[in-house]
């Protein structure tokens, strides 16, 4: 990201929602490491999409 965003709180909320969406899309992995990876992927994808929409 190039520094433009929704602020710390906005990006944290988007990341949290993205983690939930990632868990719903990819399913519940077994183990803590798998859950962290799935939540991180979902959060990164949602924050990236929201930044792309904001840019347009």
PDB file of N, CA and C in Angstrom:
ATOM      1  N   UNK A   1       0.849  -1.173   0.000  1.00  0.00           N
ATOM      2  CA  UNK A   1       0.000   0.000   0.000  1.00  0.00           C
ATOM      3  C   UNK A   1       0.896   1.238   0.000  1.00  0.00           C
ATOM      4  N   UNK A   2       0.419   2.284  -0.598  1.00  0.00           N
ATOM      5  CA  UNK A   2       1.243   3.477  -0.741  1.00  0.00           C
ATOM      6  C   UNK A   2       1.044   4.486   0.382  1.00  0.00           C
ATOM      7  N   UNK A   3       0.474   4.099   1.484  1.00  0.00           N
ATOM      8  CA  UNK A   3       0.309   5.009   2.610  1.00  0.00           C
ATOM      9  C   UNK A   3      -1.065   5.633   2.703  1.00  0.00           C
ATOM     10  N   UNK A   4      -1.829   5.577   1.629  1.00  0.00           N
ATOM     11  CA  UNK A   4      -3.182   6.118   1.708  1.00  0.00           C
ATOM     12  C   UNK A   4      -4.091   5.018   2.220  1.00  0.00           C
ATOM     13  N   UNK A   5      -4.900   5.362   3.191  1.00  0.00           N
ATOM     14  CA  UNK A   5      -5.760   4.340   3.767  1.00  0.00           C
ATOM     15  C   UNK A   5      -6.933   4.957   4.478  1.00  0.00           C
ATOM     16  N   UNK A   6      -7.506   4.207   5.350  1.00  0.00           N
ATOM     17  CA  UNK A   6      -8.678   4.633   6.093  1.00  0.00           C
ATOM     18  C   UNK A   6      -8.326   4.982   7.527  1.00  0.00           C
ATOM     19  N   UNK A   7      -7.054   5.141   7.817  1.00  0.00           N
ATOM     20  CA  UNK A   7      -6.612   5.398   9.174  1.00  0.00           C
ATOM     21  C   UNK A   7      -6.381   4.079   9.894  1.00  0.00           C
ATOM     22  N   UNK A   8      -5.805   4.169  11.055  1.00  0.00           N
ATOM     23  CA  UNK A   8      -5.452   2.959  11.797  1.00  0.00           C
ATOM     24  C   UNK A   8      -6.701   2.170  12.181  1.00  0.00           C
ATOM     25  N   UNK A   9      -7.692   2.848  12.731  1.00  0.00           N
ATOM     26  CA  UNK A   9      -8.900   2.161  13.181  1.00  0.00           C
ATOM     27  C   UNK A   9      -9.653   1.559  11.991  1.00  0.00           C
ATOM     28  N   UNK A  10      -9.790   2.320  10.906  1.00  0.00           N
ATOM     29  CA  UNK A  10     -10.494   1.821   9.725  1.00  0.00           C
ATOM     30  C   UNK A  10      -9.822   0.606   9.125  1.00  0.00           C
ATOM     31  N   UNK A  11      -8.489   0.640   9.014  1.00  0.00           N
ATOM     32  CA  UNK A  11      -7.766  -0.508   8.462  1.00  0.00           C
ATOM     33  C   UNK A  11      -7.831  -1.712   9.404  1.00  0.00           C
ATOM     34  N   UNK A  12      -7.804  -1.468  10.703  1.00  0.00           N
ATOM     35  CA  UNK A  12      -7.938  -2.581  11.649  1.00  0.00           C
ATOM     36  C   UNK A  12      -9.308  -3.234  11.546  1.00  0.00           C
ATOM     37  N   UNK A  13     -10.350  -2.422  11.425  1.00  0.00           N
ATOM     38  CA  UNK A  13     -11.699  -2.983  11.283  1.00  0.00           C
ATOM     39  C   UNK A  13     -11.844  -3.752   9.976  1.00  0.00           C
ATOM     40  N   UNK A  14     -11.284  -3.202   8.889  1.00  0.00           N
ATOM     41  CA  UNK A  14     -11.317  -3.921   7.615  1.00  0.00           C
ATOM     42  C   UNK A  14     -10.553  -5.234   7.707  1.00  0.00           C
ATOM     43  N   UNK A  15      -9.425  -5.222   8.395  1.00  0.00           N
ATOM     44  CA  UNK A  15      -8.644  -6.438   8.577  1.00  0.00           C
ATOM     45  C   UNK A  15      -9.390  -7.483   9.376  1.00  0.00           C
ATOM     46  N   UNK A  16     -10.099  -7.040  10.409  1.00  0.00           N
ATOM     47  CA  UNK A  16     -10.883  -7.967  11.228  1.00  0.00           C
ATOM     48  C   UNK A  16     -11.992  -8.611  10.408  1.00  0.00           C
ATOM     49  N   UNK A  17     -12.717  -7.796   9.657  1.00  0.00           N
ATOM     50  CA  UNK A  17     -13.786  -8.324   8.807  1.00  0.00           C
ATOM     51  C   UNK A  17     -13.197  -9.234   7.729  1.00  0.00           C
ATOM     52  N   UNK A  18     -12.055  -8.842   7.177  1.00  0.00           N
ATOM     53  CA  UNK A  18     -11.393  -9.679   6.173  1.00  0.00           C
ATOM     54  C   UNK A  18     -10.967 -11.022   6.728  1.00  0.00           C
ATOM     55  N   UNK A  19     -10.522 -11.034   7.980  1.00  0.00           N
ATOM     56  CA  UNK A  19     -10.166 -12.293   8.612  1.00  0.00           C
ATOM     57  C   UNK A  19     -11.366 -13.208   8.760  1.00  0.00           C
ATOM     58  N   UNK A  20     -12.500 -12.629   9.114  1.00  0.00           N
ATOM     59  CA  UNK A  20     -13.727 -13.422   9.231  1.00  0.00           C
ATOM     60  C   UNK A  20     -14.169 -13.949   7.872  1.00  0.00           C
ATOM     61  N   UNK A  21     -14.075 -13.104   6.863  1.00  0.00           N
ATOM     62  CA  UNK A  21     -14.446 -13.525   5.510  1.00  0.00           C
ATOM     63  C   UNK A  21     -13.492 -14.611   5.008  1.00  0.00           C
ATOM     64  N   UNK A  22     -12.202 -14.442   5.273  1.00  0.00           N
ATOM     65  CA  UNK A  22     -11.228 -15.461   4.876  1.00  0.00           C
ATOM     66  C   UNK A  22     -11.525 -16.803   5.521  1.00  0.00           C
ATOM     67  N   UNK A  23     -11.907 -16.784   6.791  1.00  0.00           N
ATOM     68  CA  UNK A  23     -12.277 -18.026   7.471  1.00  0.00           C
ATOM     69  C   UNK A  23     -13.507 -18.660   6.868  1.00  0.00           C
ATOM     70  N   UNK A  24     -14.461 -17.833   6.449  1.00  0.00           N
ATOM     71  CA  UNK A  24     -15.675 -18.359   5.845  1.00  0.00           C
ATOM     72  C   UNK A  24     -15.409 -18.932   4.449  1.00  0.00           C
ATOM     73  N   UNK A  25     -14.546 -18.264   3.694  1.00  0.00           N
ATOM     74  CA  UNK A  25     -14.267 -18.716   2.323  1.00  0.00           C
ATOM     75  C   UNK A  25     -13.398 -19.967   2.312  1.00  0.00           C
ATOM     76  N   UNK A  26     -12.305 -19.941   3.069  1.00  0.00           N
ATOM     77  CA  UNK A  26     -11.352 -21.044   3.030  1.00  0.00           C
ATOM     78  C   UNK A  26     -11.684 -22.163   4.004  1.00  0.00           C
ATOM     79  N   UNK A  27     -12.683 -21.966   4.842  1.00  0.00           N
ATOM     80  CA  UNK A  27     -13.032 -22.984   5.822  1.00  0.00           C
ATOM     81  C   UNK A  27     -12.180 -22.851   7.070  1.00  0.00           C
ATOM     82  N   UNK A  28     -12.521 -23.617   8.052  1.00  0.00           N
ATOM     83  CA  UNK A  28     -11.798 -23.572   9.323  1.00  0.00           C
ATOM     84  C   UNK A  28     -10.617 -24.538   9.280  1.00  0.00           C
ATOM     85  N   UNK A  29      -9.411 -23.998   9.202  1.00  0.00           N
ATOM     86  CA  UNK A  29      -8.238 -24.885   9.177  1.00  0.00           C
ATOM     87  C   UNK A  29      -7.991 -25.463  10.563  1.00  0.00           C
ATOM     88  N   UNK A  30      -7.290 -26.567  10.590  1.00  0.00           N
ATOM     89  CA  UNK A  30      -6.957 -27.167  11.878  1.00  0.00           C
ATOM     90  C   UNK A  30      -5.659 -26.554  12.384  1.00  0.00           C
ATOM     91  N   UNK A  31      -5.663 -26.154  13.624  1.00  0.00           N
ATOM     92  CA  UNK A  31      -4.460 -25.593  14.225  1.00  0.00           C
ATOM     93  C   UNK A  31      -4.439 -24.075  14.191  1.00  0.00           C
ATOM     94  N   UNK A  32      -3.663 -23.529  15.095  1.00  0.00           N
ATOM     95  CA  UNK A  32      -3.597 -22.082  15.237  1.00  0.00           C
ATOM     96  C   UNK A  32      -2.861 -21.429  14.063  1.00  0.00           C
ATOM     97  N   UNK A  33      -1.799 -22.050  13.587  1.00  0.00           N
ATOM     98  CA  UNK A  33      -1.022 -21.474  12.484  1.00  0.00           C
ATOM     99  C   UNK A  33      -1.878 -21.387  11.226  1.00  0.00           C
ATOM    100  N   UNK A  34      -2.626 -22.417  10.923  1.00  0.00           N
ATOM    101  CA  UNK A  34      -3.511 -22.398   9.756  1.00  0.00           C
ATOM    102  C   UNK A  34      -4.567 -21.319   9.860  1.00  0.00           C
ATOM    103  N   UNK A  35      -5.122 -21.139  11.058  1.00  0.00           N
ATOM    104  CA  UNK A  35      -6.139 -20.104  11.265  1.00  0.00           C
ATOM    105  C   UNK A  35      -5.542 -18.720  11.073  1.00  0.00           C
ATOM    106  N   UNK A  36      -4.329 -18.514  11.552  1.00  0.00           N
ATOM    107  CA  UNK A  36      -3.659 -17.212  11.389  1.00  0.00           C
ATOM    108  C   UNK A  36      -3.379 -16.938   9.919  1.00  0.00           C
ATOM    109  N   UNK A  37      -2.934 -17.946   9.194  1.00  0.00           N
ATOM    110  CA  UNK A  37      -2.638 -17.772   7.765  1.00  0.00           C
ATOM    111  C   UNK A  37      -3.901 -17.438   6.982  1.00  0.00           C
ATOM    112  N   UNK A  38      -4.980 -18.161   7.244  1.00  0.00           N
ATOM    113  CA  UNK A  38      -6.245 -17.931   6.537  1.00  0.00           C
ATOM    114  C   UNK A  38      -6.784 -16.539   6.861  1.00  0.00           C
ATOM    115  N   UNK A  39      -6.756 -16.153   8.127  1.00  0.00           N
ATOM    116  CA  UNK A  39      -7.252 -14.835   8.524  1.00  0.00           C
ATOM    117  C   UNK A  39      -6.400 -13.725   7.917  1.00  0.00           C
ATOM    118  N   UNK A  40      -5.098 -13.922   7.865  1.00  0.00           N
ATOM    119  CA  UNK A  40      -4.207 -12.918   7.286  1.00  0.00           C
ATOM    120  C   UNK A  40      -4.462 -12.756   5.795  1.00  0.00           C
ATOM    121  N   UNK A  41      -4.619 -13.849   5.087  1.00  0.00           N
ATOM    122  CA  UNK A  41      -4.896 -13.779   3.645  1.00  0.00           C
ATOM    123  C   UNK A  41      -6.218 -13.055   3.393  1.00  0.00           C
ATOM    124  N   UNK A  42      -7.251 -13.403   4.147  1.00  0.00           N
ATOM    125  CA  UNK A  42      -8.535 -12.726   3.983  1.00  0.00           C
ATOM    126  C   UNK A  42      -8.454 -11.249   4.289  1.00  0.00           C
ATOM    127  N   UNK A  43      -7.726 -10.888   5.339  1.00  0.00           N
ATOM    128  CA  UNK A  43      -7.593  -9.481   5.719  1.00  0.00           C
ATOM    129  C   UNK A  43      -6.827  -8.695   4.665  1.00  0.00           C
ATOM    130  N   UNK A  44      -5.736  -9.244   4.185  1.00  0.00           N
ATOM    131  CA  UNK A  44      -4.931  -8.551   3.179  1.00  0.00           C
ATOM    132  C   UNK A  44      -5.733  -8.346   1.902  1.00  0.00           C
ATOM    133  N   UNK A  45      -6.467  -9.356   1.483  1.00  0.00           N
ATOM    134  CA  UNK A  45      -7.264  -9.239   0.263  1.00  0.00           C
ATOM    135  C   UNK A  45      -8.353  -8.181   0.409  1.00  0.00           C
ATOM    136  N   UNK A  46      -9.051  -8.162   1.549  1.00  0.00           N
ATOM    137  CA  UNK A  46     -10.115  -7.178   1.736  1.00  0.00           C
ATOM    138  C   UNK A  46      -9.565  -5.755   1.831  1.00  0.00           C
ATOM    139  N   UNK A  47      -8.466  -5.560   2.548  1.00  0.00           N
ATOM    140  CA  UNK A  47      -7.873  -4.222   2.641  1.00  0.00           C
ATOM    141  C   UNK A  47      -7.377  -3.776   1.271  1.00  0.00           C
ATOM    142  N   UNK A  48      -6.775  -4.679   0.499  1.00  0.00           N
ATOM    143  CA  UNK A  48      -6.288  -4.333  -0.833  1.00  0.00           C
ATOM    144  C   UNK A  48      -7.445  -3.939  -1.751  1.00  0.00           C
ATOM    145  N   UNK A  49      -8.537  -4.720  -1.726  1.00  0.00           N
ATOM    146  CA  UNK A  49      -9.703  -4.404  -2.554  1.00  0.00           C
ATOM    147  C   UNK A  49     -10.290  -3.054  -2.160  1.00  0.00           C
ATOM    148  N   UNK A  50     -10.393  -2.799  -0.867  1.00  0.00           N
ATOM    149  CA  UNK A  50     -10.980  -1.522  -0.422  1.00  0.00           C
ATOM    150  C   UNK A  50     -10.100  -0.344  -0.825  1.00  0.00           C
ATOM    151  N   UNK A  51      -8.787  -0.511  -0.809  1.00  0.00           N
ATOM    152  CA  UNK A  51      -7.896   0.563  -1.240  1.00  0.00           C
ATOM    153  C   UNK A  51      -8.008   0.786  -2.754  1.00  0.00           C
ATOM    154  N   UNK A  52      -8.193  -0.301  -3.510  1.00  0.00           N
ATOM    155  CA  UNK A  52      -8.343  -0.160  -4.954  1.00  0.00           C
ATOM    156  C   UNK A  52      -9.665   0.561  -5.283  1.00  0.00           C
ATOM    157  N   UNK A  53     -10.723   0.247  -4.557  1.00  0.00           N
ATOM    158  CA  UNK A  53     -12.014   0.914  -4.778  1.00  0.00           C
ATOM    159  C   UNK A  53     -11.929   2.382  -4.405  1.00  0.00           C
ATOM    160  N   UNK A  54     -11.253   2.672  -3.293  1.00  0.00           N
ATOM    161  CA  UNK A  54     -11.108   4.059  -2.849  1.00  0.00           C
ATOM    162  C   UNK A  54     -10.307   4.881  -3.854  1.00  0.00           C
ATOM    163  N   UNK A  55      -9.324   4.256  -4.497  1.00  0.00           N
ATOM    164  CA  UNK A  55      -8.461   4.949  -5.437  1.00  0.00           C
ATOM    165  C   UNK A  55      -9.210   5.379  -6.694  1.00  0.00           C
ATOM    166  N   UNK A  56     -10.242   4.621  -7.087  1.00  0.00           N
ATOM    167  CA  UNK A  56     -10.981   4.898  -8.325  1.00  0.00           C
ATOM    168  C   UNK A  56     -11.955   5.988  -8.153  1.00  0.00           C
TER     169      UNK A  56
END
